[in-house]
C-alpha atoms as a PDB file:
ATOM      1  CA  MET A   1      -4.906   0.423 -25.417  1.00  0.00           C
ATOM      2  CA  GLY A   2      -6.839   3.170 -23.658  1.00  0.00           C
ATOM      3  CA  ILE A   3      -5.264   5.795 -21.449  1.00  0.00           C
ATOM      4  CA  ILE A   4      -6.942   4.438 -18.321  1.00  0.00           C
ATOM      5  CA  ASP A   5      -6.063   0.757 -18.862  1.00  0.00           C
ATOM      6  CA  ASN A   6      -3.238   0.895 -16.303  1.00  0.00           C
ATOM      7  CA  ILE A   7      -5.308   2.619 -13.627  1.00  0.00           C
ATOM      8  CA  ASN A   8      -5.570   0.025 -10.892  1.00  0.00           C
ATOM      9  CA  LYS A   9      -8.928  -0.218  -9.118  1.00  0.00           C
ATOM     10  CA  LEU A  10      -7.182  -1.462  -5.974  1.00  0.00           C
ATOM     11  CA  PHE A  11      -5.475   1.922  -5.630  1.00  0.00           C
ATOM     12  CA  ASP A  12      -8.721   3.877  -6.114  1.00  0.00           C
ATOM     13  CA  HIS A  13      -9.158   4.204  -2.374  1.00  0.00           C
ATOM     14  CA  ARG A  14      -7.093   6.966  -0.751  1.00  0.00           C
ATOM     15  CA  ILE A  15      -6.095   4.732   2.184  1.00  0.00           C
ATOM     16  CA  ARG A  16      -4.627   2.003  -0.045  1.00  0.00           C
ATOM     17  CA  LEU A  17      -2.954   4.705  -2.099  1.00  0.00           C
ATOM     18  CA  GLY A  18      -1.498   6.103   1.136  1.00  0.00           C
ATOM     19  CA  ILE A  19      -0.275   2.705   2.364  1.00  0.00           C
ATOM     20  CA  MET A  20       1.484   2.005  -0.927  1.00  0.00           C
ATOM     21  CA  SER A  21       2.954   5.522  -1.083  1.00  0.00           C
ATOM     22  CA  ILE A  22       4.498   5.045   2.357  1.00  0.00           C
ATOM     23  CA  LEU A  23       5.851   1.600   1.466  1.00  0.00           C
ATOM     24  CA  MET A  24       7.327   2.871  -1.799  1.00  0.00           C
ATOM     25  CA  VAL A  25       9.585   5.354   0.016  1.00  0.00           C
ATOM     26  CA  ASN A  26      10.352   3.193   3.076  1.00  0.00           C
ATOM     27  CA  ASP A  27      11.756  -0.337   3.138  1.00  0.00           C
ATOM     28  CA  ASP A  28       8.987  -1.231   5.560  1.00  0.00           C
ATOM     29  CA  ALA A  29       6.620   0.210   8.157  1.00  0.00           C
ATOM     30  CA  ASP A  30       4.870  -1.297  11.149  1.00  0.00           C
ATOM     31  CA  PHE A  31       1.143  -1.220  11.847  1.00  0.00           C
ATOM     32  CA  ASN A  32       1.315   1.621  14.364  1.00  0.00           C
ATOM     33  CA  ARG A  33       3.444   3.787  12.069  1.00  0.00           C
ATOM     34  CA  LEU A  34       0.993   3.358   9.188  1.00  0.00           C
ATOM     35  CA  LYS A  35      -1.929   4.019  11.539  1.00  0.00           C
ATOM     36  CA  GLU A  36      -0.271   7.200  12.807  1.00  0.00           C
ATOM     37  CA  LEU A  37       0.784   8.520   9.387  1.00  0.00           C
ATOM     38  CA  LEU A  38      -2.629   7.884   7.829  1.00  0.00           C
ATOM     39  CA  ASP A  39      -4.651   8.808  10.939  1.00  0.00           C
ATOM     40  CA  LEU A  40      -6.772   5.633  10.899  1.00  0.00           C
ATOM     41  CA  THR A  41      -8.476   3.269  13.316  1.00  0.00           C
ATOM     42  CA  ASP A  42      -7.085  -0.263  13.732  1.00  0.00           C
ATOM     43  CA  GLY A  43     -10.016  -1.849  11.912  1.00  0.00           C
ATOM     44  CA  ASN A  44      -9.966   0.564   9.003  1.00  0.00           C
ATOM     45  CA  LEU A  45      -6.240   0.106   8.415  1.00  0.00           C
ATOM     46  CA  ALA A  46      -6.457  -3.681   8.824  1.00  0.00           C
ATOM     47  CA  SER A  47      -9.150  -4.057   6.146  1.00  0.00           C
ATOM     48  CA  HIS A  48      -7.162  -2.059   3.583  1.00  0.00           C
ATOM     49  CA  ILE A  49      -3.949  -3.921   4.418  1.00  0.00           C
ATOM     50  CA  LYS A  50      -5.815  -7.210   3.890  1.00  0.00           C
ATOM     51  CA  ALA A  51      -6.923  -6.106   0.404  1.00  0.00           C
ATOM     52  CA  LEU A  52      -3.326  -5.264  -0.560  1.00  0.00           C
ATOM     53  CA  GLU A  53      -2.027  -8.476   1.008  1.00  0.00           C
ATOM     54  CA  ASN A  54      -4.600 -10.592  -0.867  1.00  0.00           C
ATOM     55  CA  ALA A  55      -3.439  -9.015  -4.139  1.00  0.00           C
ATOM     56  CA  GLU A  56       0.159  -9.867  -3.116  1.00  0.00           C
ATOM     57  CA  TYR A  57       1.122  -6.181  -3.300  1.00  0.00           C
ATOM     58  CA  ILE A  58       2.451  -6.143   0.258  1.00  0.00           C
ATOM     59  CA  LEU A  59       4.307  -8.611   2.426  1.00  0.00           C
ATOM     60  CA  VAL A  60       3.334  -9.042   6.068  1.00  0.00           C
ATOM     61  CA  GLU A  61       5.958 -10.075   8.619  1.00  0.00           C
ATOM     62  CA  LYS A  62       4.960 -10.824  12.192  1.00  0.00           C
ATOM     63  CA  SER A  63       7.533 -10.991  14.975  1.00  0.00           C
ATOM     64  CA  PHE A  64       8.034 -10.068  18.601  1.00  0.00           C
ATOM     65  CA  VAL A  65       9.956  -7.087  19.912  1.00  0.00           C
ATOM     66  CA  GLY A  66      10.678  -8.148  23.458  1.00  0.00           C
ATOM     67  CA  ARG A  67       7.324  -9.607  24.488  1.00  0.00           C
ATOM     68  CA  LYS A  68       5.231  -7.378  22.264  1.00  0.00           C
ATOM     69  CA  PRO A  69       3.948  -8.564  18.895  1.00  0.00           C
ATOM     70  CA  ASN A  70       5.115  -6.446  15.968  1.00  0.00           C
ATOM     71  CA  THR A  71       3.708  -6.556  12.442  1.00  0.00           C
ATOM     72  CA  ARG A  72       5.727  -4.998   9.635  1.00  0.00           C
ATOM     73  CA  TYR A  73       4.693  -4.426   6.056  1.00  0.00           C
ATOM     74  CA  SER A  74       6.727  -3.984   2.899  1.00  0.00           C
ATOM     75  CA  ALA A  75       5.812  -3.595  -0.766  1.00  0.00           C
ATOM     76  CA  THR A  76       6.422  -6.653  -2.934  1.00  0.00           C
ATOM     77  CA  LYS A  77       8.060  -6.397  -6.350  1.00  0.00           C
ATOM     78  CA  LEU A  78       4.618  -6.950  -7.913  1.00  0.00           C
ATOM     79  CA  GLY A  79       3.107  -4.244  -5.700  1.00  0.00           C
ATOM     80  CA  LYS A  80       5.831  -1.741  -6.598  1.00  0.00           C
ATOM     81  CA  ASN A  81       5.441  -2.440 -10.318  1.00  0.00           C
ATOM     82  CA  GLU A  82       1.640  -2.154 -10.226  1.00  0.00           C
ATOM     83  CA  PHE A  83       1.821   1.048  -8.178  1.00  0.00           C
ATOM     84  CA  LYS A  84       4.310   2.606 -10.619  1.00  0.00           C
ATOM     85  CA  LYS A  85       2.071   1.692 -13.567  1.00  0.00           C
ATOM     86  CA  HIS A  86      -0.902   3.242 -11.749  1.00  0.00           C
ATOM     87  CA  ILE A  87       0.950   6.507 -11.048  1.00  0.00           C
ATOM     88  CA  GLU A  88       2.252   6.692 -14.632  1.00  0.00           C
ATOM     89  CA  ALA A  89      -1.288   6.195 -15.956  1.00  0.00           C
ATOM     90  CA  LEU A  90      -2.561   9.015 -13.716  1.00  0.00           C
ATOM     91  CA  GLU A  91       0.239  11.281 -14.916  1.00  0.00           C
ATOM     92  CA  LYS A  92      -0.626  10.562 -18.567  1.00  0.00           C
ATOM     93  CA  LEU A  93      -4.270  11.243 -17.838  1.00  0.00           C
ATOM     94  CA  LEU A  94      -3.381  14.603 -16.272  1.00  0.00           C
ATOM     95  CA  LYS A  95      -1.274  15.624 -19.280  1.00  0.00           C
ATOM     96  CA  LYS A  96      -4.182  15.207 -21.709  1.00  0.00           C
END
């Protein structure tokens, strides 16, 4: 097995890496919080969230706070495991 086998192409993009990093240290985060922390436009964030959601790495929960829609995201068990493997592979690569 090669050293880069566990590097996950889905995390190659800095925005998806940022989303997962935030969700690894927080139970969840809403759309506006992610947008603010990563300094992104709505459309840019939405497309990267969709990629992570399609891979089942994040869970999307829609609700209302008062009359306002609220969308919250959290990392799934699969997403956390894949992210950890990705980070470990990067660390091994850096130690070579």
